[in-house]
C-alpha atoms as a PDB file:
ATOM      1  CA  MET A   1       7.478 -29.587 -19.644  1.00  0.00           C
ATOM      2  CA  GLY A   2       3.803 -28.816 -20.073  1.00  0.00           C
ATOM      3  CA  VAL A   3       1.515 -26.086 -21.331  1.00  0.00           C
ATOM      4  CA  CYS A   4       0.023 -23.358 -19.147  1.00  0.00           C
ATOM      5  CA  PHE A   5      -2.923 -21.505 -20.646  1.00  0.00           C
ATOM      6  CA  VAL A   6      -2.789 -17.871 -19.602  1.00  0.00           C
ATOM      7  CA  ASP A   7      -4.730 -14.679 -20.081  1.00  0.00           C
ATOM      8  CA  THR A   8      -4.722 -11.186 -18.618  1.00  0.00           C
ATOM      9  CA  GLU A   9      -7.043  -8.237 -18.610  1.00  0.00           C
ATOM     10  CA  THR A  10      -5.379  -4.829 -18.575  1.00  0.00           C
ATOM     11  CA  THR A  11      -6.266  -1.197 -18.033  1.00  0.00           C
ATOM     12  CA  SER A  12      -4.938  -0.269 -21.479  1.00  0.00           C
ATOM     13  CA  LEU A  13      -3.753  -1.913 -24.674  1.00  0.00           C
ATOM     14  CA  HIS A  14      -0.810   0.470 -24.749  1.00  0.00           C
ATOM     15  CA  PRO A  15       2.323  -1.563 -23.904  1.00  0.00           C
ATOM     16  CA  GLU A  16       3.890   1.096 -21.686  1.00  0.00           C
ATOM     17  CA  HIS A  17       0.835   2.343 -19.804  1.00  0.00           C
ATOM     18  CA  GLY A  18      -1.480  -0.579 -19.222  1.00  0.00           C
ATOM     19  CA  GLU A  19      -1.566  -2.324 -15.871  1.00  0.00           C
ATOM     20  CA  VAL A  20      -2.600  -5.956 -15.490  1.00  0.00           C
ATOM     21  CA  TYR A  21      -5.648  -6.155 -13.259  1.00  0.00           C
ATOM     22  CA  GLU A  22      -6.760  -9.751 -13.807  1.00  0.00           C
ATOM     23  CA  VAL A  23      -4.690 -12.888 -14.396  1.00  0.00           C
ATOM     24  CA  ALA A  24      -5.666 -16.489 -14.942  1.00  0.00           C
ATOM     25  CA  VAL A  25      -3.628 -19.573 -15.669  1.00  0.00           C
ATOM     26  CA  VAL A  26      -4.699 -23.150 -16.247  1.00  0.00           C
ATOM     27  CA  THR A  27      -1.727 -25.330 -15.327  1.00  0.00           C
ATOM     28  CA  PRO A  28      -0.740 -28.531 -17.171  1.00  0.00           C
ATOM     29  CA  ASP A  29      -2.732 -30.609 -14.667  1.00  0.00           C
ATOM     30  CA  GLY A  30      -5.869 -28.631 -15.623  1.00  0.00           C
ATOM     31  CA  GLU A  31      -5.970 -26.645 -12.373  1.00  0.00           C
ATOM     32  CA  PRO A  32      -7.322 -23.094 -12.862  1.00  0.00           C
ATOM     33  CA  HIS A  33      -5.867 -20.177 -10.893  1.00  0.00           C
ATOM     34  CA  HIS A  34      -7.407 -16.703 -10.963  1.00  0.00           C
ATOM     35  CA  TRP A  35      -6.278 -13.426  -9.393  1.00  0.00           C
ATOM     36  CA  TRP A  36      -7.426  -9.796  -9.154  1.00  0.00           C
ATOM     37  CA  LEU A  37      -4.503  -7.352  -8.948  1.00  0.00           C
ATOM     38  CA  PRO A  38      -4.639  -3.822  -7.532  1.00  0.00           C
ATOM     39  CA  VAL A  39      -4.205  -1.030 -10.078  1.00  0.00           C
ATOM     40  CA  THR A  40      -3.962   2.763 -10.023  1.00  0.00           C
ATOM     41  CA  LEU A  41      -6.045   3.495 -13.143  1.00  0.00           C
ATOM     42  CA  ALA A  42      -3.728   6.497 -13.747  1.00  0.00           C
ATOM     43  CA  HIS A  43      -3.257   5.606 -17.418  1.00  0.00           C
ATOM     44  CA  ALA A  44      -6.406   3.530 -17.881  1.00  0.00           C
ATOM     45  CA  ASP A  45      -8.076   3.387 -21.250  1.00  0.00           C
ATOM     46  CA  ASP A  46     -11.886   3.521 -21.180  1.00  0.00           C
ATOM     47  CA  THR A  47     -12.121   1.011 -24.039  1.00  0.00           C
ATOM     48  CA  ALA A  48      -9.939  -1.582 -22.274  1.00  0.00           C
ATOM     49  CA  LEU A  49     -11.888  -1.138 -19.033  1.00  0.00           C
ATOM     50  CA  ARG A  50     -15.197  -1.516 -20.899  1.00  0.00           C
ATOM     51  CA  VAL A  51     -14.129  -4.629 -22.857  1.00  0.00           C
ATOM     52  CA  GLY A  52     -12.917  -6.392 -19.697  1.00  0.00           C
ATOM     53  CA  ARG A  53     -15.910  -5.085 -17.723  1.00  0.00           C
ATOM     54  CA  PHE A  54     -13.572  -3.753 -15.023  1.00  0.00           C
ATOM     55  CA  HIS A  55     -16.219  -1.697 -13.214  1.00  0.00           C
ATOM     56  CA  GLU A  56     -18.599  -4.662 -13.078  1.00  0.00           C
ATOM     57  CA  ARG A  57     -16.136  -7.397 -12.186  1.00  0.00           C
ATOM     58  CA  HIS A  58     -13.061  -6.085 -10.348  1.00  0.00           C
ATOM     59  CA  PRO A  59     -13.379  -5.743  -6.548  1.00  0.00           C
ATOM     60  CA  GLN A  60     -11.571  -2.384  -6.773  1.00  0.00           C
ATOM     61  CA  GLY A  61     -13.986  -1.112  -9.427  1.00  0.00           C
ATOM     62  CA  ASN A  62     -17.111  -2.469  -7.762  1.00  0.00           C
ATOM     63  CA  ALA A  63     -17.411  -3.257  -4.067  1.00  0.00           C
ATOM     64  CA  TYR A  64     -20.281  -5.605  -4.972  1.00  0.00           C
ATOM     65  CA  ALA A  65     -18.366  -7.509  -7.654  1.00  0.00           C
ATOM     66  CA  PRO A  66     -18.586 -11.305  -7.551  1.00  0.00           C
ATOM     67  CA  THR A  67     -15.842 -12.767  -5.375  1.00  0.00           C
ATOM     68  CA  ASN A  68     -14.472 -15.366  -7.803  1.00  0.00           C
ATOM     69  CA  GLY A  69     -10.686 -15.327  -7.910  1.00  0.00           C
ATOM     70  CA  GLU A  70      -8.183 -14.221  -5.314  1.00  0.00           C
ATOM     71  CA  ALA A  71      -7.772 -10.540  -4.499  1.00  0.00           C
ATOM     72  CA  VAL A  72      -4.025  -9.898  -4.384  1.00  0.00           C
ATOM     73  CA  SER A  73      -2.675  -7.588  -1.724  1.00  0.00           C
ATOM     74  CA  ASN A  74       0.993  -8.612  -2.023  1.00  0.00           C
ATOM     75  CA  LEU A  75       2.243  -8.334  -5.621  1.00  0.00           C
ATOM     76  CA  HIS A  76       5.596  -9.918  -4.774  1.00  0.00           C
ATOM     77  CA  ALA A  77       3.893 -13.024  -3.337  1.00  0.00           C
ATOM     78  CA  PHE A  78       1.671 -13.187  -6.438  1.00  0.00           C
ATOM     79  CA  ALA A  79       4.740 -12.897  -8.706  1.00  0.00           C
ATOM     80  CA  GLU A  80       6.489 -15.731  -6.882  1.00  0.00           C
ATOM     81  CA  GLN A  81       3.402 -17.946  -7.071  1.00  0.00           C
ATOM     82  CA  PHE A  82       2.869 -17.241 -10.770  1.00  0.00           C
ATOM     83  CA  ALA A  83       6.553 -17.932 -11.502  1.00  0.00           C
ATOM     84  CA  ARG A  84       6.347 -21.273  -9.637  1.00  0.00           C
ATOM     85  CA  LEU A  85       3.183 -22.338 -11.478  1.00  0.00           C
ATOM     86  CA  THR A  86       4.619 -21.543 -14.922  1.00  0.00           C
ATOM     87  CA  HIS A  87       8.253 -22.566 -14.302  1.00  0.00           C
ATOM     88  CA  GLY A  88       9.637 -24.474 -17.270  1.00  0.00           C
ATOM     89  CA  HIS A  89       6.281 -24.653 -19.052  1.00  0.00           C
ATOM     90  CA  TYR A  90       5.130 -23.175 -22.336  1.00  0.00           C
ATOM     91  CA  LEU A  91       2.680 -20.282 -22.104  1.00  0.00           C
ATOM     92  CA  ALA A  92      -0.258 -20.612 -24.475  1.00  0.00           C
ATOM     93  CA  GLY A  93      -3.164 -18.324 -25.191  1.00  0.00           C
ATOM     94  CA  ALA A  94      -4.791 -16.051 -27.740  1.00  0.00           C
ATOM     95  CA  VAL A  95      -2.148 -13.459 -28.697  1.00  0.00           C
ATOM     96  CA  VAL A  96      -0.142 -14.798 -25.752  1.00  0.00           C
ATOM     97  CA  SER A  97       2.782 -12.487 -26.538  1.00  0.00           C
ATOM     98  CA  PHE A  98       0.644  -9.621 -25.173  1.00  0.00           C
ATOM     99  CA  ASP A  99       0.174 -11.436 -21.873  1.00  0.00           C
ATOM    100  CA  ALA A 100       3.747 -12.766 -21.588  1.00  0.00           C
ATOM    101  CA  GLU A 101       5.236  -9.307 -22.142  1.00  0.00           C
ATOM    102  CA  ARG A 102       3.112  -7.665 -19.473  1.00  0.00           C
ATOM    103  CA  LEU A 103       3.433 -10.515 -16.977  1.00  0.00           C
ATOM    104  CA  GLY A 104       7.189 -10.687 -17.516  1.00  0.00           C
ATOM    105  CA  ARG A 105       7.543  -6.962 -16.905  1.00  0.00           C
ATOM    106  CA  MET A 106       5.394  -7.197 -13.769  1.00  0.00           C
ATOM    107  CA  LEU A 107       7.355 -10.151 -12.367  1.00  0.00           C
ATOM    108  CA  ARG A 108      10.704  -8.458 -13.013  1.00  0.00           C
ATOM    109  CA  HIS A 109       9.392  -5.291 -11.345  1.00  0.00           C
ATOM    110  CA  GLN A 110       8.769  -7.472  -8.280  1.00  0.00           C
ATOM    111  CA  GLN A 111      12.352  -8.860  -8.538  1.00  0.00           C
ATOM    112  CA  VAL A 112      11.043 -12.261  -9.677  1.00  0.00           C
ATOM    113  CA  MET A 113      12.528 -13.744 -12.836  1.00  0.00           C
ATOM    114  CA  PRO A 114       9.999 -15.259 -15.250  1.00  0.00           C
ATOM    115  CA  SER A 115      11.029 -18.854 -15.872  1.00  0.00           C
ATOM    116  CA  TRP A 116       8.506 -20.128 -18.369  1.00  0.00           C
ATOM    117  CA  ASP A 117       9.865 -21.478 -21.655  1.00  0.00           C
ATOM    118  CA  PHE A 118      10.560 -18.685 -24.118  1.00  0.00           C
ATOM    119  CA  HIS A 119       8.578 -20.432 -26.881  1.00  0.00           C
ATOM    120  CA  LEU A 120       5.046 -19.043 -26.780  1.00  0.00           C
ATOM    121  CA  VAL A 121       2.050 -20.904 -28.234  1.00  0.00           C
ATOM    122  CA  ASP A 122      -0.588 -18.730 -29.895  1.00  0.00           C
ATOM    123  CA  VAL A 123      -3.703 -20.900 -30.126  1.00  0.00           C
ATOM    124  CA  GLU A 124      -5.297 -18.730 -32.810  1.00  0.00           C
ATOM    125  CA  ALA A 125      -2.242 -19.321 -35.028  1.00  0.00           C
ATOM    126  CA  LEU A 126      -2.530 -23.077 -34.396  1.00  0.00           C
ATOM    127  CA  VAL A 127      -6.162 -23.097 -35.477  1.00  0.00           C
ATOM    128  CA  ALA A 128      -5.477 -20.855 -38.482  1.00  0.00           C
ATOM    129  CA  GLY A 129      -2.636 -23.140 -39.559  1.00  0.00           C
ATOM    130  CA  ARG A 130      -4.744 -26.277 -39.168  1.00  0.00           C
ATOM    131  CA  TYR A 131      -7.513 -24.843 -41.339  1.00  0.00           C
ATOM    132  CA  GLU A 132      -5.227 -22.841 -43.664  1.00  0.00           C
ATOM    133  CA  VAL A 133      -6.715 -19.449 -42.821  1.00  0.00           C
ATOM    134  CA  VAL A 134      -4.543 -16.478 -43.723  1.00  0.00           C
ATOM    135  CA  PRO A 135      -4.537 -13.277 -41.647  1.00  0.00           C
ATOM    136  CA  PRO A 136      -6.387 -11.237 -40.673  1.00  0.00           C
ATOM    137  CA  TRP A 137      -8.116 -13.694 -38.357  1.00  0.00           C
ATOM    138  CA  ASN A 138     -11.415 -13.501 -36.560  1.00  0.00           C
ATOM    139  CA  SER A 139     -11.143 -15.383 -33.269  1.00  0.00           C
ATOM    140  CA  ARG A 140     -14.836 -16.238 -33.220  1.00  0.00           C
ATOM    141  CA  GLU A 141     -14.714 -17.746 -36.709  1.00  0.00           C
ATOM    142  CA  LEU A 142     -11.535 -19.690 -35.876  1.00  0.00           C
ATOM    143  CA  SER A 143     -13.163 -21.046 -32.749  1.00  0.00           C
ATOM    144  CA  ILE A 144     -16.204 -22.256 -34.676  1.00  0.00           C
ATOM    145  CA  MET A 145     -13.944 -23.881 -37.314  1.00  0.00           C
ATOM    146  CA  ALA A 146     -12.217 -25.807 -34.536  1.00  0.00           C
ATOM    147  CA  GLY A 147     -15.565 -26.982 -33.164  1.00  0.00           C
ATOM    148  CA  VAL A 148     -15.292 -24.849 -30.015  1.00  0.00           C
ATOM    149  CA  ASP A 149     -18.365 -22.762 -29.214  1.00  0.00           C
ATOM    150  CA  PRO A 150     -16.945 -19.351 -28.209  1.00  0.00           C
ATOM    151  CA  ASP A 151     -20.222 -18.505 -26.451  1.00  0.00           C
ATOM    152  CA  ALA A 152     -19.593 -21.336 -23.987  1.00  0.00           C
ATOM    153  CA  TYR A 153     -16.791 -19.237 -22.424  1.00  0.00           C
ATOM    154  CA  ASP A 154     -16.923 -15.947 -20.520  1.00  0.00           C
ATOM    155  CA  ARG A 155     -14.893 -14.085 -23.130  1.00  0.00           C
ATOM    156  CA  HIS A 156     -12.812 -11.019 -22.250  1.00  0.00           C
ATOM    157  CA  THR A 157     -12.299 -12.320 -18.740  1.00  0.00           C
ATOM    158  CA  ALA A 158      -8.931 -13.782 -17.823  1.00  0.00           C
ATOM    159  CA  LEU A 159     -10.262 -17.150 -16.671  1.00  0.00           C
ATOM    160  CA  GLY A 160     -12.835 -17.434 -19.463  1.00  0.00           C
ATOM    161  CA  ASP A 161     -10.229 -16.691 -22.136  1.00  0.00           C
ATOM    162  CA  ALA A 162      -7.634 -19.036 -20.584  1.00  0.00           C
ATOM    163  CA  MET A 163     -10.206 -21.867 -20.580  1.00  0.00           C
ATOM    164  CA  TRP A 164     -11.231 -20.992 -24.155  1.00  0.00           C
ATOM    165  CA  ALA A 165      -7.569 -21.064 -25.253  1.00  0.00           C
ATOM    166  CA  LYS A 166      -7.185 -24.513 -23.694  1.00  0.00           C
ATOM    167  CA  ALA A 167     -10.274 -25.748 -25.537  1.00  0.00           C
ATOM    168  CA  LEU A 168      -8.902 -24.443 -28.859  1.00  0.00           C
ATOM    169  CA  PHE A 169      -5.522 -26.052 -28.201  1.00  0.00           C
ATOM    170  CA  ASP A 170      -7.145 -29.358 -27.286  1.00  0.00           C
ATOM    171  CA  ALA A 171      -9.340 -29.226 -30.412  1.00  0.00           C
ATOM    172  CA  VAL A 172      -6.434 -28.898 -32.849  1.00  0.00           C
ATOM    173  CA  MET A 173      -3.708 -30.825 -31.039  1.00  0.00           C
ATOM    174  CA  VAL A 174      -5.360 -34.186 -31.633  1.00  0.00           C
ATOM    175  CA  PRO A 175      -3.090 -37.247 -31.354  1.00  0.00           C
ATOM    176  CA  GLN A 176      -2.046 -38.504 -34.799  1.00  0.00           C
ATOM    177  CA  GLN A 177      -3.903 -41.844 -34.434  1.00  0.00           C
ATOM    178  CA  GLN A 178      -7.152 -39.911 -33.905  1.00  0.00           C
ATOM    179  CA  LEU A 179      -6.482 -37.789 -37.008  1.00  0.00           C
ATOM    180  CA  ALA A 180      -6.379 -40.919 -39.180  1.00  0.00           C
ATOM    181  CA  ALA A 181      -9.953 -41.679 -38.113  1.00  0.00           C
ATOM    182  CA  VAL A 182     -11.220 -38.191 -39.032  1.00  0.00           C
ATOM    183  CA  PRO A 183     -12.881 -38.128 -42.492  1.00  0.00           C
END
């Protein structure tokens, strides 16, 4: 059992209306995977689209968008691939419950059962616990506390945030023998 670092970008923060349009996962072997999903924009929220830079980055929102990531045309095939990559692993990320809920709903809609471990790992909570920071948290400040430069990651992109989450996890989940050497 390993840890998969995951992030999504959605058309809305509303749990019932938002569609996932970008997904990234970094598997336990460190392999990044990145997809662009088709969306209808019927219930899109301008704020969510602006934060994730949908119209700049998504191939559907901009025909001249960079071509990083895989454009998905078959949601069922994507759901099966995502389920295989995350099978039996923990999902980790910043507010990963948001991502797991939406991805789980999407997979089930495609008749694919999510099979990741039901324990979710919120990296911001790990950092806050390590440095005894009580809510509310500021993700930028937590990142700096952990020694991870948040500006080194393309934040509010699925792949950038998945890689950032992995860096935060790695920064605080130091083997015990290394902790003894830390002043």
